Amino acid sequence: MLGDQHINGDVILSDTGDDDDIESLGTEEEQWNQIMVLLKDVRTQCLKQATINRSLSNWLRQINNGVSIPMIILAYVNSVLIAGALNDSMSPGTLSILTCVISMVAGILQSVVTFMKVPDRLAAASQLYVKFNALAHSLNITLDLPYNLRQVTPSKYTLEVTDQFNQLMAAGEVPRYE
């Protein structure tokens, strides 16, 4: 029997392995009608998870860009200071202090990006967005077909979809920083 458990607003689909419940519902059309509610819920949850991961991906991309641009500017300023030292327009002590401060700021920015695992989290969120979107799209295609053209039994399709959804939810933990 397939059921759903609501944990923190997310739906986790459970399968007790009892395929007889679905198959005992009657004709194939009746079976499809019975599981449509569950499949629509899975589709809704897939779209919700895709949206969450797209937002996370966009946020992480902004962080990545927000650090990359200052790093480029700091590298440019550092090279200008070194070029200025060649013209004797700046004392060696001042130059040393300024380049040290610039290097320290660049190091802090890079440490923040590394600590937050921005590249790993960005890749994971982008990948999950695509996978959840693809599952929702495949559900749309199948559910839009007349039941006799779906070329899959309701029980098998439901179990496959819920298994895919649960695997995505289990693997969907985007790496967090601690």
N, C-alpha and C. Protein backbone atom coordinates (compact mmCIF):
# COMPACT_ATOMS: atom_id res chain seq x y z
N MET A 1 0.84 -1.18 0.00
CA MET A 1 0.00 0.00 0.00
C MET A 1 0.88 1.24 0.00
N LEU A 2 0.51 2.20 -0.81
CA LEU A 2 1.28 3.44 -0.88
C LEU A 2 0.60 4.48 -0.02
N GLY A 3 1.37 5.20 0.74
CA GLY A 3 0.83 6.25 1.58
C GLY A 3 1.81 7.40 1.61
N ASP A 4 1.43 8.46 2.29
CA ASP A 4 2.36 9.56 2.39
C ASP A 4 2.48 10.00 3.83
N GLN A 5 3.67 10.41 4.19
CA GLN A 5 3.94 10.91 5.51
C GLN A 5 4.39 12.35 5.34
N HIS A 6 3.82 13.24 6.10
CA HIS A 6 4.20 14.64 5.99
C HIS A 6 5.22 14.95 7.08
N ILE A 7 6.43 15.28 6.66
CA ILE A 7 7.49 15.63 7.58
C ILE A 7 8.01 16.99 7.16
N ASN A 8 7.85 17.97 8.02
CA ASN A 8 8.31 19.33 7.72
C ASN A 8 7.73 19.85 6.41
N GLY A 9 6.52 19.50 6.09
CA GLY A 9 5.88 19.98 4.88
C GLY A 9 6.25 19.22 3.63
N ASP A 10 7.24 18.36 3.69
CA ASP A 10 7.64 17.56 2.53
C ASP A 10 6.90 16.24 2.56
N VAL A 11 6.63 15.72 1.40
CA VAL A 11 5.96 14.43 1.31
C VAL A 11 7.01 13.37 1.07
N ILE A 12 6.99 12.36 1.91
CA ILE A 12 7.85 11.20 1.71
C ILE A 12 6.92 10.03 1.45
N LEU A 13 7.05 9.44 0.30
CA LEU A 13 6.16 8.37 -0.09
C LEU A 13 6.68 7.06 0.46
N SER A 14 5.79 6.27 1.01
CA SER A 14 6.23 5.00 1.57
C SER A 14 5.56 3.86 0.83
N ASP A 15 6.27 2.78 0.70
CA ASP A 15 5.78 1.59 0.02
C ASP A 15 5.92 0.43 0.97
N THR A 16 4.81 -0.19 1.30
CA THR A 16 4.86 -1.33 2.20
C THR A 16 5.05 -2.62 1.43
N GLY A 17 5.15 -2.51 0.11
CA GLY A 17 5.39 -3.69 -0.71
C GLY A 17 4.14 -4.48 -1.02
N ASP A 18 2.97 -3.94 -0.71
CA ASP A 18 1.72 -4.66 -0.92
C ASP A 18 1.11 -4.23 -2.24
N ASP A 19 1.53 -4.86 -3.34
CA ASP A 19 1.03 -4.51 -4.67
C ASP A 19 -0.41 -4.94 -4.87
N ASP A 20 -0.90 -5.87 -4.06
CA ASP A 20 -2.27 -6.37 -4.22
C ASP A 20 -3.29 -5.28 -3.98
N ASP A 21 -2.97 -4.28 -3.14
CA ASP A 21 -3.92 -3.21 -2.86
C ASP A 21 -4.24 -2.42 -4.13
N ILE A 22 -3.21 -2.12 -4.92
CA ILE A 22 -3.45 -1.37 -6.15
C ILE A 22 -4.13 -2.25 -7.18
N GLU A 23 -3.67 -3.48 -7.32
CA GLU A 23 -4.22 -4.35 -8.34
C GLU A 23 -5.63 -4.81 -8.02
N SER A 24 -6.05 -4.74 -6.76
CA SER A 24 -7.39 -5.18 -6.40
C SER A 24 -8.42 -4.06 -6.56
N LEU A 25 -8.01 -2.93 -7.12
CA LEU A 25 -8.92 -1.80 -7.27
C LEU A 25 -9.90 -1.97 -8.42
N GLY A 26 -9.68 -2.91 -9.27
CA GLY A 26 -10.61 -3.15 -10.38
C GLY A 26 -9.92 -3.02 -11.71
N THR A 27 -10.63 -2.42 -12.66
CA THR A 27 -10.09 -2.28 -14.01
C THR A 27 -8.90 -1.33 -14.02
N GLU A 28 -8.21 -1.35 -15.14
CA GLU A 28 -7.03 -0.49 -15.26
C GLU A 28 -7.42 0.99 -15.14
N GLU A 29 -8.56 1.34 -15.73
CA GLU A 29 -9.01 2.73 -15.64
C GLU A 29 -9.29 3.11 -14.19
N GLU A 30 -9.92 2.22 -13.45
CA GLU A 30 -10.19 2.49 -12.04
C GLU A 30 -8.89 2.59 -11.24
N GLN A 31 -7.93 1.75 -11.58
CA GLN A 31 -6.64 1.81 -10.90
C GLN A 31 -5.96 3.15 -11.15
N TRP A 32 -5.98 3.58 -12.43
CA TRP A 32 -5.37 4.87 -12.74
C TRP A 32 -6.08 6.00 -12.01
N ASN A 33 -7.40 5.93 -11.95
CA ASN A 33 -8.15 6.98 -11.26
C ASN A 33 -7.80 7.04 -9.78
N GLN A 34 -7.59 5.87 -9.17
CA GLN A 34 -7.27 5.82 -7.75
C GLN A 34 -5.88 6.40 -7.45
N ILE A 35 -4.95 6.15 -8.33
CA ILE A 35 -3.58 6.61 -8.03
C ILE A 35 -3.27 7.99 -8.59
N MET A 36 -4.20 8.58 -9.33
CA MET A 36 -3.98 9.92 -9.89
C MET A 36 -3.70 10.94 -8.78
N VAL A 37 -4.39 10.82 -7.67
CA VAL A 37 -4.19 11.76 -6.56
C VAL A 37 -2.75 11.67 -6.06
N LEU A 38 -2.28 10.46 -5.86
CA LEU A 38 -0.91 10.27 -5.39
C LEU A 38 0.10 10.80 -6.40
N LEU A 39 -0.10 10.48 -7.67
CA LEU A 39 0.84 10.92 -8.70
C LEU A 39 0.83 12.44 -8.87
N LYS A 40 -0.33 13.05 -8.73
CA LYS A 40 -0.40 14.51 -8.81
C LYS A 40 0.32 15.14 -7.61
N ASP A 41 0.22 14.49 -6.45
CA ASP A 41 0.94 14.97 -5.27
C ASP A 41 2.45 14.85 -5.48
N VAL A 42 2.88 13.75 -6.07
CA VAL A 42 4.31 13.58 -6.37
C VAL A 42 4.76 14.66 -7.35
N ARG A 43 3.95 14.92 -8.37
CA ARG A 43 4.30 15.96 -9.35
C ARG A 43 4.40 17.33 -8.66
N THR A 44 3.45 17.63 -7.78
CA THR A 44 3.48 18.89 -7.05
C THR A 44 4.74 19.00 -6.20
N GLN A 45 5.07 17.92 -5.50
CA GLN A 45 6.27 17.92 -4.67
C GLN A 45 7.54 18.05 -5.51
N CYS A 46 7.56 17.41 -6.68
CA CYS A 46 8.71 17.53 -7.58
C CYS A 46 8.90 18.98 -8.02
N LEU A 47 7.82 19.62 -8.39
CA LEU A 47 7.90 21.02 -8.81
C LEU A 47 8.33 21.91 -7.65
N LYS A 48 7.83 21.61 -6.45
CA LYS A 48 8.22 22.37 -5.26
C LYS A 48 9.72 22.21 -5.00
N GLN A 49 10.21 20.98 -5.05
CA GLN A 49 11.63 20.73 -4.82
C GLN A 49 12.49 21.35 -5.93
N ALA A 50 12.00 21.31 -7.16
CA ALA A 50 12.74 21.93 -8.27
C ALA A 50 12.85 23.44 -8.04
N THR A 51 11.77 24.06 -7.59
CA THR A 51 11.77 25.50 -7.33
C THR A 51 12.73 25.84 -6.19
N ILE A 52 12.70 25.04 -5.14
CA ILE A 52 13.61 25.27 -4.00
C ILE A 52 15.06 25.18 -4.46
N ASN A 53 15.37 24.15 -5.23
CA ASN A 53 16.75 23.96 -5.69
C ASN A 53 17.17 25.01 -6.71
N ARG A 54 16.22 25.49 -7.53
CA ARG A 54 16.55 26.57 -8.47
C ARG A 54 16.86 27.85 -7.70
N SER A 55 16.07 28.15 -6.67
CA SER A 55 16.33 29.34 -5.86
C SER A 55 17.67 29.25 -5.15
N LEU A 56 17.96 28.07 -4.59
CA LEU A 56 19.24 27.86 -3.92
C LEU A 56 20.39 28.00 -4.91
N SER A 57 20.21 27.46 -6.09
CA SER A 57 21.25 27.54 -7.13
C SER A 57 21.50 28.99 -7.52
N ASN A 58 20.44 29.76 -7.70
CA ASN A 58 20.59 31.18 -8.05
C ASN A 58 21.28 31.96 -6.94
N TRP A 59 20.92 31.67 -5.69
CA TRP A 59 21.53 32.35 -4.55
C TRP A 59 23.02 32.04 -4.47
N LEU A 60 23.36 30.76 -4.64
CA LEU A 60 24.77 30.36 -4.60
C LEU A 60 25.57 30.95 -5.76
N ARG A 61 24.94 31.07 -6.91
CA ARG A 61 25.60 31.68 -8.07
C ARG A 61 25.89 33.16 -7.78
N GLN A 62 24.95 33.83 -7.10
CA GLN A 62 25.17 35.23 -6.75
C GLN A 62 26.32 35.37 -5.75
N ILE A 63 26.39 34.45 -4.79
CA ILE A 63 27.51 34.47 -3.84
C ILE A 63 28.82 34.27 -4.58
N ASN A 64 28.83 33.30 -5.46
CA ASN A 64 30.05 33.00 -6.22
C ASN A 64 30.49 34.21 -7.04
N ASN A 65 29.53 34.84 -7.71
CA ASN A 65 29.86 36.04 -8.50
C ASN A 65 30.23 37.21 -7.60
N GLY A 66 29.57 37.31 -6.45
CA GLY A 66 29.86 38.39 -5.51
C GLY A 66 31.26 38.31 -4.94
N VAL A 67 31.84 37.13 -4.93
CA VAL A 67 33.21 36.97 -4.45
C VAL A 67 34.20 37.06 -5.62
N SER A 68 33.82 36.55 -6.76
CA SER A 68 34.73 36.54 -7.91
C SER A 68 35.08 37.95 -8.38
N ILE A 69 34.11 38.83 -8.43
CA ILE A 69 34.35 40.19 -8.91
C ILE A 69 35.31 40.95 -7.98
N PRO A 70 35.09 40.94 -6.65
CA PRO A 70 36.07 41.60 -5.79
C PRO A 70 37.47 40.98 -5.87
N MET A 71 37.54 39.67 -6.08
CA MET A 71 38.84 39.01 -6.21
C MET A 71 39.58 39.54 -7.45
N ILE A 72 38.86 39.74 -8.53
CA ILE A 72 39.47 40.28 -9.75
C ILE A 72 39.95 41.71 -9.51
N ILE A 73 39.11 42.51 -8.83
CA ILE A 73 39.47 43.90 -8.54
C ILE A 73 40.70 43.95 -7.63
N LEU A 74 40.72 43.10 -6.61
CA LEU A 74 41.87 43.08 -5.69
C LEU A 74 43.16 42.68 -6.42
N ALA A 75 43.07 41.72 -7.31
CA ALA A 75 44.25 41.31 -8.09
C ALA A 75 44.73 42.47 -8.97
N TYR A 76 43.79 43.21 -9.55
CA TYR A 76 44.15 44.35 -10.40
C TYR A 76 44.83 45.44 -9.56
N VAL A 77 44.23 45.76 -8.41
CA VAL A 77 44.81 46.80 -7.54
C VAL A 77 46.20 46.39 -7.09
N ASN A 78 46.35 45.13 -6.75
CA ASN A 78 47.65 44.63 -6.32
C ASN A 78 48.69 44.80 -7.42
N SER A 79 48.32 44.50 -8.65
CA SER A 79 49.28 44.66 -9.76
C SER A 79 49.58 46.13 -10.03
N VAL A 80 48.61 47.00 -9.85
CA VAL A 80 48.84 48.44 -10.03
C VAL A 80 49.81 48.95 -8.96
N LEU A 81 49.64 48.46 -7.74
CA LEU A 81 50.55 48.88 -6.67
C LEU A 81 51.97 48.43 -6.94
N ILE A 82 52.11 47.22 -7.43
CA ILE A 82 53.45 46.73 -7.74
C ILE A 82 54.06 47.54 -8.88
N ALA A 83 53.24 47.88 -9.87
CA ALA A 83 53.74 48.72 -10.97
C ALA A 83 54.11 50.10 -10.45
N GLY A 84 53.36 50.61 -9.48
CA GLY A 84 53.67 51.92 -8.88
C GLY A 84 54.98 51.88 -8.13
N ALA A 85 55.31 50.75 -7.56
CA ALA A 85 56.57 50.63 -6.83
C ALA A 85 57.75 50.71 -7.78
N LEU A 86 57.55 50.29 -9.02
CA LEU A 86 58.63 50.35 -10.00
C LEU A 86 58.98 51.80 -10.36
N ASN A 87 58.02 52.69 -10.21
CA ASN A 87 58.25 54.11 -10.54
C ASN A 87 58.70 54.92 -9.34
N ASP A 88 58.92 54.27 -8.22
CA ASP A 88 59.31 54.94 -6.97
C ASP A 88 58.29 55.98 -6.52
N SER A 89 57.03 55.78 -6.87
CA SER A 89 55.99 56.71 -6.43
C SER A 89 55.42 56.33 -5.07
N MET A 90 55.89 55.24 -4.50
CA MET A 90 55.38 54.78 -3.22
C MET A 90 56.54 54.17 -2.43
N SER A 91 56.52 54.41 -1.14
CA SER A 91 57.61 53.86 -0.32
C SER A 91 57.46 52.34 -0.21
N PRO A 92 58.54 51.62 -0.06
CA PRO A 92 58.47 50.16 0.03
C PRO A 92 57.64 49.68 1.23
N GLY A 93 57.68 50.41 2.34
CA GLY A 93 56.89 50.02 3.52
C GLY A 93 55.40 50.12 3.25
N THR A 94 54.98 51.22 2.64
CA THR A 94 53.57 51.41 2.31
C THR A 94 53.11 50.35 1.32
N LEU A 95 53.93 50.11 0.33
CA LEU A 95 53.60 49.10 -0.67
C LEU A 95 53.45 47.73 -0.03
N SER A 96 54.35 47.41 0.87
CA SER A 96 54.31 46.12 1.55
C SER A 96 53.04 45.97 2.37
N ILE A 97 52.68 47.01 3.10
CA ILE A 97 51.47 46.96 3.93
C ILE A 97 50.23 46.82 3.06
N LEU A 98 50.14 47.61 2.00
CA LEU A 98 48.96 47.56 1.12
C LEU A 98 48.81 46.20 0.44
N THR A 99 49.89 45.67 -0.09
CA THR A 99 49.79 44.36 -0.75
C THR A 99 49.46 43.26 0.25
N CYS A 100 49.97 43.40 1.47
CA CYS A 100 49.65 42.42 2.52
C CYS A 100 48.16 42.48 2.86
N VAL A 101 47.61 43.69 3.00
CA VAL A 101 46.19 43.84 3.32
C VAL A 101 45.33 43.30 2.18
N ILE A 102 45.70 43.62 0.96
CA ILE A 102 44.93 43.13 -0.20
C ILE A 102 44.96 41.60 -0.25
N SER A 103 46.11 41.02 -0.03
CA SER A 103 46.22 39.56 -0.03
C SER A 103 45.39 38.94 1.09
N MET A 104 45.39 39.60 2.25
CA MET A 104 44.61 39.10 3.38
C MET A 104 43.11 39.15 3.07
N VAL A 105 42.63 40.24 2.50
CA VAL A 105 41.21 40.36 2.15
C VAL A 105 40.83 39.30 1.11
N ALA A 106 41.69 39.11 0.12
CA ALA A 106 41.43 38.08 -0.90
C ALA A 106 41.39 36.70 -0.27
N GLY A 107 42.29 36.45 0.67
CA GLY A 107 42.30 35.16 1.37
C GLY A 107 41.04 34.94 2.19
N ILE A 108 40.56 35.99 2.84
CA ILE A 108 39.33 35.88 3.63
C ILE A 108 38.15 35.59 2.72
N LEU A 109 38.05 36.30 1.61
CA LEU A 109 36.95 36.04 0.67
C LEU A 109 36.98 34.60 0.16
N GLN A 110 38.15 34.13 -0.20
CA GLN A 110 38.26 32.76 -0.70
C GLN A 110 37.96 31.75 0.41
N SER A 111 38.32 32.06 1.64
CA SER A 111 38.02 31.17 2.77
C SER A 111 36.52 31.05 3.00
N VAL A 112 35.82 32.16 2.85
CA VAL A 112 34.36 32.13 3.02
C VAL A 112 33.73 31.23 1.97
N VAL A 113 34.16 31.37 0.73
CA VAL A 113 33.63 30.53 -0.36
C VAL A 113 33.94 29.06 -0.10
N THR A 114 35.15 28.79 0.33
CA THR A 114 35.54 27.40 0.62
C THR A 114 34.76 26.86 1.81
N PHE A 115 34.61 27.66 2.87
CA PHE A 115 33.89 27.24 4.07
C PHE A 115 32.43 26.93 3.76
N MET A 116 31.82 27.74 2.93
CA MET A 116 30.41 27.53 2.59
C MET A 116 30.21 26.45 1.54
N LYS A 117 31.29 25.91 1.00
CA LYS A 117 31.23 24.86 -0.02
C LYS A 117 30.38 25.30 -1.21
N VAL A 118 30.55 26.54 -1.61
CA VAL A 118 29.72 27.12 -2.67
C VAL A 118 29.77 26.31 -3.96
N PRO A 119 30.93 25.94 -4.48
CA PRO A 119 30.93 25.19 -5.75
C PRO A 119 30.21 23.84 -5.64
N ASP A 120 30.44 23.11 -4.53
CA ASP A 120 29.78 21.81 -4.35
C ASP A 120 28.27 21.97 -4.22
N ARG A 121 27.86 22.93 -3.42
CA ARG A 121 26.43 23.15 -3.20
C ARG A 121 25.76 23.65 -4.47
N LEU A 122 26.46 24.48 -5.24
CA LEU A 122 25.91 24.99 -6.50
C LEU A 122 25.69 23.85 -7.49
N ALA A 123 26.67 22.97 -7.61
CA ALA A 123 26.54 21.83 -8.53
C ALA A 123 25.41 20.90 -8.09
N ALA A 124 25.31 20.62 -6.79
CA ALA A 124 24.27 19.72 -6.29
C ALA A 124 22.88 20.32 -6.49
N ALA A 125 22.73 21.60 -6.17
CA ALA A 125 21.42 22.24 -6.32
C ALA A 125 21.01 22.30 -7.79
N SER A 126 21.93 22.59 -8.67
CA SER A 126 21.61 22.64 -10.11
C SER A 126 21.20 21.27 -10.62
N GLN A 127 21.91 20.25 -10.19
CA GLN A 127 21.61 18.88 -10.63
C GLN A 127 20.24 18.43 -10.10
N LEU A 128 19.95 18.73 -8.84
CA LEU A 128 18.65 18.34 -8.28
C LEU A 128 17.51 19.09 -8.96
N TYR A 129 17.72 20.35 -9.29
CA TYR A 129 16.70 21.11 -10.00
C TYR A 129 16.33 20.41 -11.31
N VAL A 130 17.35 20.00 -12.05
CA VAL A 130 17.12 19.33 -13.33
C VAL A 130 16.40 18.00 -13.13
N LYS A 131 16.83 17.22 -12.14
CA LYS A 131 16.24 15.89 -11.93
C LYS A 131 14.79 15.97 -11.46
N PHE A 132 14.50 16.86 -10.51
CA PHE A 132 13.11 17.00 -10.05
C PHE A 132 12.22 17.52 -11.18
N ASN A 133 12.73 18.46 -11.95
CA ASN A 133 11.97 18.99 -13.08
C ASN A 133 11.69 17.90 -14.11
N ALA A 134 12.68 17.05 -14.38
CA ALA A 134 12.52 15.97 -15.35
C ALA A 134 11.48 14.96 -14.87
N LEU A 135 11.49 14.63 -13.59
CA LEU A 135 10.50 13.69 -13.05
C LEU A 135 9.10 14.28 -13.14
N ALA A 136 8.96 15.55 -12.80
CA ALA A 136 7.65 16.20 -12.91
C ALA A 136 7.18 16.24 -14.36
N HIS A 137 8.10 16.51 -15.28
CA HIS A 137 7.75 16.55 -16.70
C HIS A 137 7.32 15.17 -17.20
N SER A 138 8.03 14.12 -16.79
CA SER A 138 7.64 12.77 -17.23
C SER A 138 6.28 12.39 -16.65
N LEU A 139 5.99 12.86 -15.43
CA LEU A 139 4.66 12.62 -14.86
C LEU A 139 3.60 13.35 -15.67
N ASN A 140 3.88 14.58 -16.07
CA ASN A 140 2.93 15.34 -16.88
C ASN A 140 2.62 14.61 -18.18
N ILE A 141 3.66 14.12 -18.84
CA ILE A 141 3.47 13.43 -20.12
C ILE A 141 2.61 12.19 -19.92
N THR A 142 2.94 11.37 -18.94
CA THR A 142 2.20 10.13 -18.71
C THR A 142 0.77 10.41 -18.28
N LEU A 143 0.57 11.35 -17.39
CA LEU A 143 -0.77 11.62 -16.88
C LEU A 143 -1.66 12.30 -17.91
N ASP A 144 -1.07 12.96 -18.89
CA ASP A 144 -1.86 13.60 -19.94
C ASP A 144 -2.34 12.62 -21.00
N LEU A 145 -1.72 11.45 -21.07
CA LEU A 145 -2.15 10.43 -22.03
C LEU A 145 -3.42 9.75 -21.52
N PRO A 146 -4.28 9.30 -22.44
CA PRO A 146 -5.41 8.47 -22.01
C PRO A 146 -4.87 7.20 -21.34
N TYR A 147 -5.58 6.69 -20.35
CA TYR A 147 -5.06 5.57 -19.55
C TYR A 147 -4.70 4.36 -20.39
N ASN A 148 -5.41 4.11 -21.50
CA ASN A 148 -5.12 2.92 -22.30
C ASN A 148 -3.89 3.10 -23.20
N LEU A 149 -3.33 4.30 -23.30
CA LEU A 149 -2.13 4.55 -24.11
C LEU A 149 -0.87 4.73 -23.26
N ARG A 150 -0.97 4.56 -21.98
CA ARG A 150 0.16 4.83 -21.08
C ARG A 150 1.23 3.75 -21.13
N GLN A 151 0.94 2.60 -21.66
CA GLN A 151 1.89 1.51 -21.88
C GLN A 151 2.64 1.09 -20.61
N VAL A 152 2.00 1.21 -19.48
CA VAL A 152 2.58 0.76 -18.22
C VAL A 152 1.42 0.48 -17.26
N THR A 153 1.60 -0.50 -16.40
CA THR A 153 0.53 -0.79 -15.44
C THR A 153 0.55 0.24 -14.32
N PRO A 154 -0.60 0.56 -13.77
CA PRO A 154 -0.66 1.58 -12.72
C PRO A 154 0.23 1.24 -11.51
N SER A 155 0.19 -0.01 -11.08
CA SER A 155 0.96 -0.37 -9.88
C SER A 155 2.46 -0.24 -10.14
N LYS A 156 2.91 -0.72 -11.28
CA LYS A 156 4.34 -0.65 -11.61
C LYS A 156 4.78 0.80 -11.76
N TYR A 157 3.99 1.59 -12.46
CA TYR A 157 4.34 2.99 -12.68
C TYR A 157 4.40 3.75 -11.36
N THR A 158 3.41 3.52 -10.51
CA THR A 158 3.37 4.21 -9.22
C THR A 158 4.58 3.85 -8.38
N LEU A 159 4.92 2.58 -8.34
CA LEU A 159 6.08 2.15 -7.56
C LEU A 159 7.37 2.73 -8.13
N GLU A 160 7.50 2.77 -9.46
CA GLU A 160 8.70 3.34 -10.08
C GLU A 160 8.83 4.83 -9.76
N VAL A 161 7.72 5.55 -9.89
CA VAL A 161 7.74 6.99 -9.66
C VAL A 161 8.04 7.30 -8.20
N THR A 162 7.37 6.61 -7.29
CA THR A 162 7.61 6.88 -5.88
C THR A 162 9.04 6.50 -5.49
N ASP A 163 9.56 5.45 -6.10
CA ASP A 163 10.94 5.06 -5.82
C ASP A 163 11.91 6.13 -6.33
N GLN A 164 11.67 6.65 -7.53
CA GLN A 164 12.52 7.72 -8.07
C GLN A 164 12.45 8.96 -7.18
N PHE A 165 11.24 9.30 -6.77
CA PHE A 165 11.04 10.49 -5.93
C PHE A 165 11.78 10.33 -4.60
N ASN A 166 11.62 9.17 -3.97
CA ASN A 166 12.28 8.94 -2.68
C ASN A 166 13.79 8.93 -2.82
N GLN A 167 14.31 8.39 -3.92
CA GLN A 167 15.75 8.41 -4.15
C GLN A 167 16.26 9.84 -4.32
N LEU A 168 15.50 10.66 -5.05
CA LEU A 168 15.89 12.05 -5.21
C LEU A 168 15.85 12.80 -3.88
N MET A 169 14.82 12.53 -3.08
CA MET A 169 14.72 13.19 -1.78
C MET A 169 15.87 12.75 -0.88
N ALA A 170 16.21 11.47 -0.91
CA ALA A 170 17.31 10.97 -0.07
C ALA A 170 18.65 11.52 -0.54
N ALA A 171 18.84 11.55 -1.85
CA ALA A 171 20.11 12.06 -2.40
C ALA A 171 20.08 13.57 -2.51
N GLY A 172 18.93 14.16 -2.27
CA GLY A 172 18.73 15.58 -2.49
C GLY A 172 19.28 16.48 -1.41
N GLU A 173 20.02 15.92 -0.48
CA GLU A 173 20.60 16.76 0.55
C GLU A 173 21.77 17.52 -0.05
N VAL A 174 21.55 18.80 -0.29
CA VAL A 174 22.61 19.64 -0.83
C VAL A 174 23.65 19.81 0.28
N PRO A 175 24.94 19.64 -0.02
CA PRO A 175 25.96 19.76 1.03
C PRO A 175 25.83 21.07 1.79
N ARG A 176 25.84 20.99 3.07
CA ARG A 176 25.71 22.16 3.94
C ARG A 176 27.08 22.50 4.52
N TYR A 177 27.22 23.74 4.94
CA TYR A 177 28.45 24.07 5.66
C TYR A 177 28.16 23.97 7.14
N GLU A 178 29.14 23.58 7.90
CA GLU A 178 28.94 23.38 9.34
C GLU A 178 29.87 24.24 10.14
